[in-house]
Amino acid sequence: GEGFAVEVRLVEELGADAYLHGKIVGAEHAEADVADIVTRV
């Protein structure tokens, strides 16, 4: 309820950092099998 929904497709763990690759749920023209956002977690 505080942000947009993202389905997690991959998590890269690099030790000090980790990066989440995901697909925005409900975004227009989103390709089903494509991770379209990366964020540091």
PDB file of all heavy atoms in Angstrom:
ATOM      1  N   GLY A   1       0.801  -1.222   0.000  1.00  0.00           N
ATOM      2  CA  GLY A   1       0.000   0.000   0.000  1.00  0.00           C
ATOM      3  C   GLY A   1       0.829   1.266   0.000  1.00  0.00           C
ATOM      4  O   GLY A   1       0.301   2.355  -0.217  1.00  0.00           O
ATOM      5  N   GLU A   2       2.137   1.126   0.262  1.00  0.00           N
ATOM      6  CA  GLU A   2       3.012   2.308   0.302  1.00  0.00           C
ATOM      7  C   GLU A   2       3.857   2.451  -0.955  1.00  0.00           C
ATOM      8  O   GLU A   2       4.526   3.467  -1.135  1.00  0.00           O
ATOM      9  CB  GLU A   2       3.933   2.240   1.527  1.00  0.00           C
ATOM     10  CG  GLU A   2       3.202   2.272   2.852  1.00  0.00           C
ATOM     11  CD  GLU A   2       4.155   2.187   4.024  1.00  0.00           C
ATOM     12  OE1 GLU A   2       5.370   1.962   3.788  1.00  0.00           O
ATOM     13  OE2 GLU A   2       3.707   2.338   5.167  1.00  0.00           O
ATOM     14  N   GLY A   3       3.849   1.440  -1.815  1.00  0.00           N
ATOM     15  CA  GLY A   3       4.669   1.492  -3.016  1.00  0.00           C
ATOM     16  C   GLY A   3       4.096   0.600  -4.097  1.00  0.00           C
ATOM     17  O   GLY A   3       3.055  -0.043  -3.919  1.00  0.00           O
ATOM     18  N   PHE A   4       4.793   0.552  -5.236  1.00  0.00           N
ATOM     19  CA  PHE A   4       4.321  -0.288  -6.345  1.00  0.00           C
ATOM     20  C   PHE A   4       4.829  -1.710  -6.165  1.00  0.00           C
ATOM     21  O   PHE A   4       5.909  -1.954  -5.608  1.00  0.00           O
ATOM     22  CB  PHE A   4       4.745   0.293  -7.705  1.00  0.00           C
ATOM     23  CG  PHE A   4       6.217   0.584  -7.848  1.00  0.00           C
ATOM     24  CD1 PHE A   4       7.085  -0.380  -8.350  1.00  0.00           C
ATOM     25  CD2 PHE A   4       6.739   1.827  -7.497  1.00  0.00           C
ATOM     26  CE1 PHE A   4       8.435  -0.130  -8.492  1.00  0.00           C
ATOM     27  CE2 PHE A   4       8.094   2.091  -7.641  1.00  0.00           C
ATOM     28  CZ  PHE A   4       8.945   1.115  -8.135  1.00  0.00           C
ATOM     29  N   ALA A   5       4.023  -2.653  -6.645  1.00  0.00           N
ATOM     30  CA  ALA A   5       4.332  -4.069  -6.452  1.00  0.00           C
ATOM     31  C   ALA A   5       5.326  -4.568  -7.500  1.00  0.00           C
ATOM     32  O   ALA A   5       5.229  -4.215  -8.674  1.00  0.00           O
ATOM     33  CB  ALA A   5       3.049  -4.892  -6.520  1.00  0.00           C
ATOM     34  N   VAL A   6       6.268  -5.384  -7.055  1.00  0.00           N
ATOM     35  CA  VAL A   6       7.284  -5.960  -7.933  1.00  0.00           C
ATOM     36  C   VAL A   6       7.412  -7.447  -7.631  1.00  0.00           C
ATOM     37  O   VAL A   6       7.539  -7.843  -6.467  1.00  0.00           O
ATOM     38  CB  VAL A   6       8.656  -5.264  -7.744  1.00  0.00           C
ATOM     39  CG1 VAL A   6       9.750  -5.994  -8.507  1.00  0.00           C
ATOM     40  CG2 VAL A   6       8.589  -3.812  -8.182  1.00  0.00           C
ATOM     41  N   GLU A   7       7.379  -8.255  -8.673  1.00  0.00           N
ATOM     42  CA  GLU A   7       7.606  -9.692  -8.525  1.00  0.00           C
ATOM     43  C   GLU A   7       9.099  -9.963  -8.661  1.00  0.00           C
ATOM     44  O   GLU A   7       9.728  -9.597  -9.658  1.00  0.00           O
ATOM     45  CB  GLU A   7       6.837 -10.468  -9.589  1.00  0.00           C
ATOM     46  CG  GLU A   7       7.026 -11.974  -9.481  1.00  0.00           C
ATOM     47  CD  GLU A   7       6.342 -12.743 -10.604  1.00  0.00           C
ATOM     48  OE1 GLU A   7       5.525 -12.133 -11.334  1.00  0.00           O
ATOM     49  OE2 GLU A   7       6.645 -13.944 -10.757  1.00  0.00           O
ATOM     50  N   VAL A   8       9.685 -10.591  -7.660  1.00  0.00           N
ATOM     51  CA  VAL A   8      11.126 -10.844  -7.637  1.00  0.00           C
ATOM     52  C   VAL A   8      11.474 -11.960  -8.616  1.00  0.00           C
ATOM     53  O   VAL A   8      10.925 -13.067  -8.537  1.00  0.00           O
ATOM     54  CB  VAL A   8      11.598 -11.215  -6.219  1.00  0.00           C
ATOM     55  CG1 VAL A   8      13.106 -11.491  -6.215  1.00  0.00           C
ATOM     56  CG2 VAL A   8      11.244 -10.117  -5.230  1.00  0.00           C
ATOM     57  N   ARG A   9      12.388 -11.678  -9.539  1.00  0.00           N
ATOM     58  CA  ARG A   9      12.826 -12.683 -10.517  1.00  0.00           C
ATOM     59  C   ARG A   9      14.238 -13.199 -10.231  1.00  0.00           C
ATOM     60  O   ARG A   9      14.582 -14.322 -10.572  1.00  0.00           O
ATOM     61  CB  ARG A   9      12.777 -12.080 -11.919  1.00  0.00           C
ATOM     62  CG  ARG A   9      11.348 -11.768 -12.398  1.00  0.00           C
ATOM     63  CD  ARG A   9      10.499 -13.034 -12.416  1.00  0.00           C
ATOM     64  NE  ARG A   9       9.139 -12.819 -12.869  1.00  0.00           N
ATOM     65  CZ  ARG A   9       8.758 -12.874 -14.131  1.00  0.00           C
ATOM     66  NH1 ARG A   9       9.647 -13.109 -15.081  1.00  0.00           N
ATOM     67  NH2 ARG A   9       7.490 -12.681 -14.449  1.00  0.00           N
ATOM     68  N   LEU A  10      15.065 -12.362  -9.608  1.00  0.00           N
ATOM     69  CA  LEU A  10      16.466 -12.748  -9.351  1.00  0.00           C
ATOM     70  C   LEU A  10      17.005 -11.872  -8.237  1.00  0.00           C
ATOM     71  O   LEU A  10      16.658 -10.693  -8.141  1.00  0.00           O
ATOM     72  CB  LEU A  10      17.318 -12.553 -10.617  1.00  0.00           C
ATOM     73  CG  LEU A  10      18.835 -12.746 -10.480  1.00  0.00           C
ATOM     74  CD1 LEU A  10      19.165 -14.219 -10.231  1.00  0.00           C
ATOM     75  CD2 LEU A  10      19.555 -12.254 -11.734  1.00  0.00           C
ATOM     76  N   VAL A  11      17.857 -12.445  -7.393  1.00  0.00           N
ATOM     77  CA  VAL A  11      18.566 -11.662  -6.380  1.00  0.00           C
ATOM     78  C   VAL A  11      20.055 -11.943  -6.524  1.00  0.00           C
ATOM     79  O   VAL A  11      20.484 -13.102  -6.454  1.00  0.00           O
ATOM     80  CB  VAL A  11      18.102 -12.002  -4.950  1.00  0.00           C
ATOM     81  CG1 VAL A  11      18.942 -11.238  -3.932  1.00  0.00           C
ATOM     82  CG2 VAL A  11      16.627 -11.683  -4.777  1.00  0.00           C
ATOM     83  N   GLU A  12      20.823 -10.897  -6.743  1.00  0.00           N
ATOM     84  CA  GLU A  12      22.290 -11.006  -6.819  1.00  0.00           C
ATOM     85  C   GLU A  12      22.872 -10.638  -5.465  1.00  0.00           C
ATOM     86  O   GLU A  12      22.715  -9.504  -5.005  1.00  0.00           O
ATOM     87  CB  GLU A  12      22.844 -10.060  -7.893  1.00  0.00           C
ATOM     88  CG  GLU A  12      22.529 -10.451  -9.313  1.00  0.00           C
ATOM     89  CD  GLU A  12      23.175  -9.499 -10.305  1.00  0.00           C
ATOM     90  OE1 GLU A  12      22.942  -8.284 -10.185  1.00  0.00           O
ATOM     91  OE2 GLU A  12      23.914  -9.959 -11.183  1.00  0.00           O
ATOM     92  N   GLU A  13      23.545 -11.570  -4.827  1.00  0.00           N
ATOM     93  CA  GLU A  13      24.171 -11.307  -3.530  1.00  0.00           C
ATOM     94  C   GLU A  13      25.658 -11.113  -3.741  1.00  0.00           C
ATOM     95  O   GLU A  13      26.362 -12.025  -4.183  1.00  0.00           O
ATOM     96  CB  GLU A  13      23.876 -12.457  -2.576  1.00  0.00           C
ATOM     97  CG  GLU A  13      22.382 -12.639  -2.312  1.00  0.00           C
ATOM     98  CD  GLU A  13      22.097 -13.656  -1.226  1.00  0.00           C
ATOM     99  OE1 GLU A  13      22.803 -13.619  -0.200  1.00  0.00           O
ATOM    100  OE2 GLU A  13      21.177 -14.475  -1.396  1.00  0.00           O
ATOM    101  N   LEU A  14      26.135  -9.900  -3.403  1.00  0.00           N
ATOM    102  CA  LEU A  14      27.528  -9.537  -3.672  1.00  0.00           C
ATOM    103  C   LEU A  14      28.319  -9.268  -2.399  1.00  0.00           C
ATOM    104  O   LEU A  14      29.357  -8.613  -2.435  1.00  0.00           O
ATOM    105  CB  LEU A  14      27.567  -8.280  -4.571  1.00  0.00           C
ATOM    106  CG  LEU A  14      26.773  -8.382  -5.881  1.00  0.00           C
ATOM    107  CD1 LEU A  14      26.809  -7.048  -6.620  1.00  0.00           C
ATOM    108  CD2 LEU A  14      27.352  -9.484  -6.760  1.00  0.00           C
ATOM    109  N   GLY A  15      27.843  -9.774  -1.282  1.00  0.00           N
ATOM    110  CA  GLY A  15      28.555  -9.548  -0.028  1.00  0.00           C
ATOM    111  C   GLY A  15      28.030  -8.309   0.662  1.00  0.00           C
ATOM    112  O   GLY A  15      27.057  -8.355   1.420  1.00  0.00           O
ATOM    113  N   ALA A  16      28.670  -7.169   0.428  1.00  0.00           N
ATOM    114  CA  ALA A  16      28.257  -5.923   1.065  1.00  0.00           C
ATOM    115  C   ALA A  16      26.939  -5.409   0.502  1.00  0.00           C
ATOM    116  O   ALA A  16      26.215  -4.666   1.168  1.00  0.00           O
ATOM    117  CB  ALA A  16      29.345  -4.861   0.897  1.00  0.00           C
ATOM    118  N   ASP A  17      26.619  -5.770  -0.735  1.00  0.00           N
ATOM    119  CA  ASP A  17      25.393  -5.324  -1.387  1.00  0.00           C
ATOM    120  C   ASP A  17      24.630  -6.515  -1.947  1.00  0.00           C
ATOM    121  O   ASP A  17      25.193  -7.598  -2.162  1.00  0.00           O
ATOM    122  CB  ASP A  17      25.698  -4.359  -2.540  1.00  0.00           C
ATOM    123  CG  ASP A  17      26.223  -3.021  -2.050  1.00  0.00           C
ATOM    124  OD1 ASP A  17      25.632  -2.462  -1.111  1.00  0.00           O
ATOM    125  OD2 ASP A  17      27.229  -2.547  -2.612  1.00  0.00           O
ATOM    126  N   ALA A  18      23.363  -6.282  -2.192  1.00  0.00           N
ATOM    127  CA  ALA A  18      22.541  -7.262  -2.892  1.00  0.00           C
ATOM    128  C   ALA A  18      21.606  -6.486  -3.814  1.00  0.00           C
ATOM    129  O   ALA A  18      21.154  -5.389  -3.476  1.00  0.00           O
ATOM    130  CB  ALA A  18      21.748  -8.123  -1.917  1.00  0.00           C
ATOM    131  N   TYR A  19      21.346  -7.049  -4.996  1.00  0.00           N
ATOM    132  CA  TYR A  19      20.492  -6.380  -5.965  1.00  0.00           C
ATOM    133  C   TYR A  19      19.327  -7.285  -6.347  1.00  0.00           C
ATOM    134  O   TYR A  19      19.514  -8.443  -6.698  1.00  0.00           O
ATOM    135  CB  TYR A  19      21.284  -5.988  -7.210  1.00  0.00           C
ATOM    136  CG  TYR A  19      22.268  -4.871  -6.937  1.00  0.00           C
ATOM    137  CD1 TYR A  19      23.608  -5.152  -6.642  1.00  0.00           C
ATOM    138  CD2 TYR A  19      21.861  -3.544  -6.949  1.00  0.00           C
ATOM    139  CE1 TYR A  19      24.501  -4.128  -6.366  1.00  0.00           C
ATOM    140  CE2 TYR A  19      22.748  -2.517  -6.669  1.00  0.00           C
ATOM    141  CZ  TYR A  19      24.065  -2.813  -6.383  1.00  0.00           C
ATOM    142  OH  TYR A  19      24.939  -1.799  -6.105  1.00  0.00           O
ATOM    143  N   LEU A  20      18.154  -6.711  -6.264  1.00  0.00           N
ATOM    144  CA  LEU A  20      16.923  -7.401  -6.612  1.00  0.00           C
ATOM    145  C   LEU A  20      16.545  -7.050  -8.046  1.00  0.00           C
ATOM    146  O   LEU A  20      16.488  -5.866  -8.405  1.00  0.00           O
ATOM    147  CB  LEU A  20      15.825  -6.972  -5.639  1.00  0.00           C
ATOM    148  CG  LEU A  20      14.395  -7.480  -5.805  1.00  0.00           C
ATOM    149  CD1 LEU A  20      13.674  -7.376  -4.460  1.00  0.00           C
ATOM    150  CD2 LEU A  20      13.609  -6.678  -6.846  1.00  0.00           C
ATOM    151  N   HIS A  21      16.295  -8.049  -8.868  1.00  0.00           N
ATOM    152  CA  HIS A  21      15.795  -7.859 -10.228  1.00  0.00           C
ATOM    153  C   HIS A  21      14.353  -8.329 -10.249  1.00  0.00           C
ATOM    154  O   HIS A  21      14.059  -9.472  -9.850  1.00  0.00           O
ATOM    155  CB  HIS A  21      16.617  -8.667 -11.236  1.00  0.00           C
ATOM    156  CG  HIS A  21      18.052  -8.281 -11.305  1.00  0.00           C
ATOM    157  ND1 HIS A  21      18.618  -7.641 -12.396  1.00  0.00           N
ATOM    158  CD2 HIS A  21      19.068  -8.431 -10.402  1.00  0.00           C
ATOM    159  CE1 HIS A  21      19.894  -7.432 -12.184  1.00  0.00           C
ATOM    160  NE2 HIS A  21      20.196  -7.899 -10.973  1.00  0.00           N
ATOM    161  N   GLY A  22      13.452  -7.466 -10.684  1.00  0.00           N
ATOM    162  CA  GLY A  22      12.049  -7.855 -10.650  1.00  0.00           C
ATOM    163  C   GLY A  22      11.225  -7.258 -11.762  1.00  0.00           C
ATOM    164  O   GLY A  22      11.707  -6.447 -12.569  1.00  0.00           O
ATOM    165  N   LYS A  23       9.962  -7.663 -11.810  1.00  0.00           N
ATOM    166  CA  LYS A  23       9.013  -7.186 -12.813  1.00  0.00           C
ATOM    167  C   LYS A  23       7.918  -6.402 -12.109  1.00  0.00           C
ATOM    168  O   LYS A  23       7.332  -6.878 -11.131  1.00  0.00           O
ATOM    169  CB  LYS A  23       8.403  -8.354 -13.581  1.00  0.00           C
ATOM    170  CG  LYS A  23       7.436  -7.947 -14.686  1.00  0.00           C
ATOM    171  CD  LYS A  23       6.934  -9.163 -15.449  1.00  0.00           C
ATOM    172  CE  LYS A  23       5.867  -9.903 -14.660  1.00  0.00           C
ATOM    173  NZ  LYS A  23       4.597  -9.132 -14.585  1.00  0.00           N
ATOM    174  N   ILE A  24       7.646  -5.184 -12.595  1.00  0.00           N
ATOM    175  CA  ILE A  24       6.607  -4.357 -12.007  1.00  0.00           C
ATOM    176  C   ILE A  24       5.243  -4.981 -12.302  1.00  0.00           C
ATOM    177  O   ILE A  24       4.893  -5.218 -13.460  1.00  0.00           O
ATOM    178  CB  ILE A  24       6.672  -2.921 -12.554  1.00  0.00           C
ATOM    179  CG1 ILE A  24       8.029  -2.293 -12.237  1.00  0.00           C
ATOM    180  CG2 ILE A  24       5.542  -2.074 -11.971  1.00  0.00           C
ATOM    181  CD1 ILE A  24       8.238  -0.933 -12.858  1.00  0.00           C
ATOM    182  N   VAL A  25       4.490  -5.252 -11.262  1.00  0.00           N
ATOM    183  CA  VAL A  25       3.176  -5.870 -11.410  1.00  0.00           C
ATOM    184  C   VAL A  25       2.171  -4.823 -11.893  1.00  0.00           C
ATOM    185  O   VAL A  25       2.068  -3.740 -11.318  1.00  0.00           O
ATOM    186  CB  VAL A  25       2.703  -6.481 -10.073  1.00  0.00           C
ATOM    187  CG1 VAL A  25       1.287  -7.048 -10.219  1.00  0.00           C
ATOM    188  CG2 VAL A  25       3.668  -7.552  -9.605  1.00  0.00           C
ATOM    189  N   GLY A  26       1.469  -5.145 -12.970  1.00  0.00           N
ATOM    190  CA  GLY A  26       0.438  -4.251 -13.470  1.00  0.00           C
ATOM    191  C   GLY A  26       0.926  -3.133 -14.350  1.00  0.00           C
ATOM    192  O   GLY A  26       0.139  -2.278 -14.768  1.00  0.00           O
ATOM    193  N   ALA A  27       2.232  -3.096 -14.662  1.00  0.00           N
ATOM    194  CA  ALA A  27       2.747  -2.038 -15.534  1.00  0.00           C
ATOM    195  C   ALA A  27       2.295  -2.284 -16.967  1.00  0.00           C
ATOM    196  O   ALA A  27       2.202  -3.427 -17.416  1.00  0.00           O
ATOM    197  CB  ALA A  27       4.270  -1.994 -15.467  1.00  0.00           C
ATOM    198  N   GLU A  28       2.043  -1.201 -17.687  1.00  0.00           N
ATOM    199  CA  GLU A  28       1.618  -1.308 -19.083  1.00  0.00           C
ATOM    200  C   GLU A  28       2.703  -1.954 -19.930  1.00  0.00           C
ATOM    201  O   GLU A  28       3.895  -1.661 -19.772  1.00  0.00           O
ATOM    202  CB  GLU A  28       1.312   0.083 -19.651  1.00  0.00           C
ATOM    203  CG  GLU A  28      -0.002   0.665 -19.204  1.00  0.00           C
ATOM    204  CD  GLU A  28      -0.307   1.935 -19.966  1.00  0.00           C
ATOM    205  OE1 GLU A  28       0.425   2.257 -20.930  1.00  0.00           O
ATOM    206  OE2 GLU A  28      -1.273   2.616 -19.603  1.00  0.00           O
ATOM    207  N   HIS A  29       2.296  -2.819 -20.851  1.00  0.00           N
ATOM    208  CA  HIS A  29       3.193  -3.416 -21.838  1.00  0.00           C
ATOM    209  C   HIS A  29       4.327  -4.215 -21.202  1.00  0.00           C
ATOM    210  O   HIS A  29       5.364  -4.435 -21.822  1.00  0.00           O
ATOM    211  CB  HIS A  29       3.778  -2.357 -22.774  1.00  0.00           C
ATOM    212  CG  HIS A  29       2.751  -1.428 -23.346  1.00  0.00           C
ATOM    213  ND1 HIS A  29       1.690  -1.869 -24.091  1.00  0.00           N
ATOM    214  CD2 HIS A  29       2.635  -0.078 -23.267  1.00  0.00           C
ATOM    215  CE1 HIS A  29       0.946  -0.828 -24.456  1.00  0.00           C
ATOM    216  NE2 HIS A  29       1.495   0.264 -23.964  1.00  0.00           N
ATOM    217  N   ALA A  30       4.197  -4.607 -19.933  1.00  0.00           N
ATOM    218  CA  ALA A  30       5.260  -5.376 -19.282  1.00  0.00           C
ATOM    219  C   ALA A  30       5.348  -6.763 -19.900  1.00  0.00           C
ATOM    220  O   ALA A  30       4.349  -7.460 -20.041  1.00  0.00           O
ATOM    221  CB  ALA A  30       4.990  -5.485 -17.788  1.00  0.00           C
ATOM    222  N   GLU A  31       6.549  -7.144 -20.292  1.00  0.00           N
ATOM    223  CA  GLU A  31       6.741  -8.476 -20.851  1.00  0.00           C
ATOM    224  C   GLU A  31       6.803  -9.492 -19.711  1.00  0.00           C
ATOM    225  O   GLU A  31       7.508  -9.296 -18.723  1.00  0.00           O
ATOM    226  CB  GLU A  31       8.026  -8.519 -21.680  1.00  0.00           C
ATOM    227  CG  GLU A  31       7.996  -7.592 -22.885  1.00  0.00           C
ATOM    228  CD  GLU A  31       9.286  -7.676 -23.687  1.00  0.00           C
ATOM    229  OE1 GLU A  31       9.751  -8.797 -23.921  1.00  0.00           O
ATOM    230  OE2 GLU A  31       9.819  -6.625 -24.061  1.00  0.00           O
ATOM    231  N   ALA A  32       6.083 -10.572 -19.861  1.00  0.00           N
ATOM    232  CA  ALA A  32       5.886 -11.513 -18.755  1.00  0.00           C
ATOM    233  C   ALA A  32       7.187 -12.073 -18.200  1.00  0.00           C
ATOM    234  O   ALA A  32       7.315 -12.283 -16.997  1.00  0.00           O
ATOM    235  CB  ALA A  32       4.976 -12.652 -19.213  1.00  0.00           C
ATOM    236  N   ASP A  33       8.157 -12.315 -19.050  1.00  0.00           N
ATOM    237  CA  ASP A  33       9.376 -12.997 -18.596  1.00  0.00           C
ATOM    238  C   ASP A  33      10.573 -12.070 -18.437  1.00  0.00           C
ATOM    239  O   ASP A  33      11.702 -12.523 -18.360  1.00  0.00           O
ATOM    240  CB  ASP A  33       9.731 -14.119 -19.593  1.00  0.00           C
ATOM    241  CG  ASP A  33       8.654 -15.187 -19.652  1.00  0.00           C
ATOM    242  OD1 ASP A  33       8.087 -15.483 -18.593  1.00  0.00           O
ATOM    243  OD2 ASP A  33       8.387 -15.707 -20.754  1.00  0.00           O
ATOM    244  N   VAL A  34      10.328 -10.763 -18.420  1.00  0.00           N
ATOM    245  CA  VAL A  34      11.432  -9.812 -18.375  1.00  0.00           C
ATOM    246  C   VAL A  34      11.467  -9.104 -17.027  1.00  0.00           C
ATOM    247  O   VAL A  34      10.451  -8.595 -16.551  1.00  0.00           O
ATOM    248  CB  VAL A  34      11.294  -8.768 -19.511  1.00  0.00           C
ATOM    249  CG1 VAL A  34      12.363  -7.690 -19.363  1.00  0.00           C
ATOM    250  CG2 VAL A  34      11.418  -9.464 -20.862  1.00  0.00           C
ATOM    251  N   ALA A  35      12.633  -9.106 -16.380  1.00  0.00           N
ATOM    252  CA  ALA A  35      12.838  -8.316 -15.168  1.00  0.00           C
ATOM    253  C   ALA A  35      13.119  -6.879 -15.610  1.00  0.00           C
ATOM    254  O   ALA A  35      14.088  -6.627 -16.326  1.00  0.00           O
ATOM    255  CB  ALA A  35      14.007  -8.872 -14.366  1.00  0.00           C
ATOM    256  N   ASP A  36      12.257  -5.938 -15.217  1.00  0.00           N
ATOM    257  CA  ASP A  36      12.391  -4.591 -15.758  1.00  0.00           C
ATOM    258  C   ASP A  36      12.794  -3.549 -14.722  1.00  0.00           C
ATOM    259  O   ASP A  36      12.727  -2.354 -14.975  1.00  0.00           O
ATOM    260  CB  ASP A  36      11.102  -4.159 -16.470  1.00  0.00           C
ATOM    261  CG  ASP A  36       9.875  -4.225 -15.569  1.00  0.00           C
ATOM    262  OD1 ASP A  36      10.045  -4.486 -14.356  1.00  0.00           O
ATOM    263  OD2 ASP A  36       8.771  -4.008 -16.072  1.00  0.00           O
ATOM    264  N   ILE A  37      13.207  -3.997 -13.528  1.00  0.00           N
ATOM    265  CA  ILE A  37      13.662  -3.052 -12.520  1.00  0.00           C
ATOM    266  C   ILE A  37      14.735  -3.705 -11.655  1.00  0.00           C
ATOM    267  O   ILE A  37      14.698  -4.915 -11.380  1.00  0.00           O
ATOM    268  CB  ILE A  37      12.483  -2.560 -11.653  1.00  0.00           C
ATOM    269  CG1 ILE A  37      12.950  -1.487 -10.669  1.00  0.00           C
ATOM    270  CG2 ILE A  37      11.816  -3.711 -10.912  1.00  0.00           C
ATOM    271  CD1 ILE A  37      11.811  -0.819  -9.927  1.00  0.00           C
ATOM    272  N   VAL A  38      15.708  -2.902 -11.260  1.00  0.00           N
ATOM    273  CA  VAL A  38      16.782  -3.366 -10.371  1.00  0.00           C
ATOM    274  C   VAL A  38      16.835  -2.415  -9.181  1.00  0.00           C
ATOM    275  O   VAL A  38      16.772  -1.189  -9.360  1.00  0.00           O
ATOM    276  CB  VAL A  38      18.152  -3.367 -11.079  1.00  0.00           C
ATOM    277  CG1 VAL A  38      19.247  -3.855 -10.119  1.00  0.00           C
ATOM    278  CG2 VAL A  38      18.116  -4.235 -12.318  1.00  0.00           C
ATOM    279  N   THR A  39      16.933  -2.960  -7.979  1.00  0.00           N
ATOM    280  CA  THR A  39      17.059  -2.112  -6.802  1.00  0.00           C
ATOM    281  C   THR A  39      18.027  -2.736  -5.805  1.00  0.00           C
ATOM    282  O   THR A  39      18.153  -3.960  -5.729  1.00  0.00           O
ATOM    283  CB  THR A  39      15.689  -1.884  -6.130  1.00  0.00           C
ATOM    284  OG1 THR A  39      15.851  -1.010  -5.016  1.00  0.00           O
ATOM    285  CG2 THR A  39      15.098  -3.188  -5.651  1.00  0.00           C
ATOM    286  N   ARG A  40      18.721  -1.883  -5.069  1.00  0.00           N
ATOM    287  CA  ARG A  40      19.642  -2.369  -4.045  1.00  0.00           C
ATOM    288  C   ARG A  40      18.863  -2.671  -2.769  1.00  0.00           C
ATOM    289  O   ARG A  40      18.036  -1.857  -2.341  1.00  0.00           O
ATOM    290  CB  ARG A  40      20.722  -1.325  -3.771  1.00  0.00           C
ATOM    291  CG  ARG A  40      21.839  -1.818  -2.863  1.00  0.00           C
ATOM    292  CD  ARG A  40      22.991  -0.842  -2.836  1.00  0.00           C
ATOM    293  NE  ARG A  40      22.615   0.426  -2.209  1.00  0.00           N
ATOM    294  CZ  ARG A  40      23.385   1.505  -2.220  1.00  0.00           C
ATOM    295  NH1 ARG A  40      24.533   1.493  -2.871  1.00  0.00           N
ATOM    296  NH2 ARG A  40      22.988   2.610  -1.620  1.00  0.00           N
ATOM    297  N   VAL A  41      19.134  -3.811  -2.159  1.00  0.00           N
ATOM    298  CA  VAL A  41      18.436  -4.210  -0.935  1.00  0.00           C
ATOM    299  C   VAL A  41      19.453  -4.623   0.121  1.00  0.00           C
ATOM    300  O   VAL A  41      20.638  -4.826  -0.168  1.00  0.00           O
ATOM    301  CB  VAL A  41      17.447  -5.370  -1.221  1.00  0.00           C
ATOM    302  CG1 VAL A  41      16.330  -4.913  -2.142  1.00  0.00           C
ATOM    303  CG2 VAL A  41      18.167  -6.582  -1.818  1.00  0.00           C
TER     304      VAL A  41
END
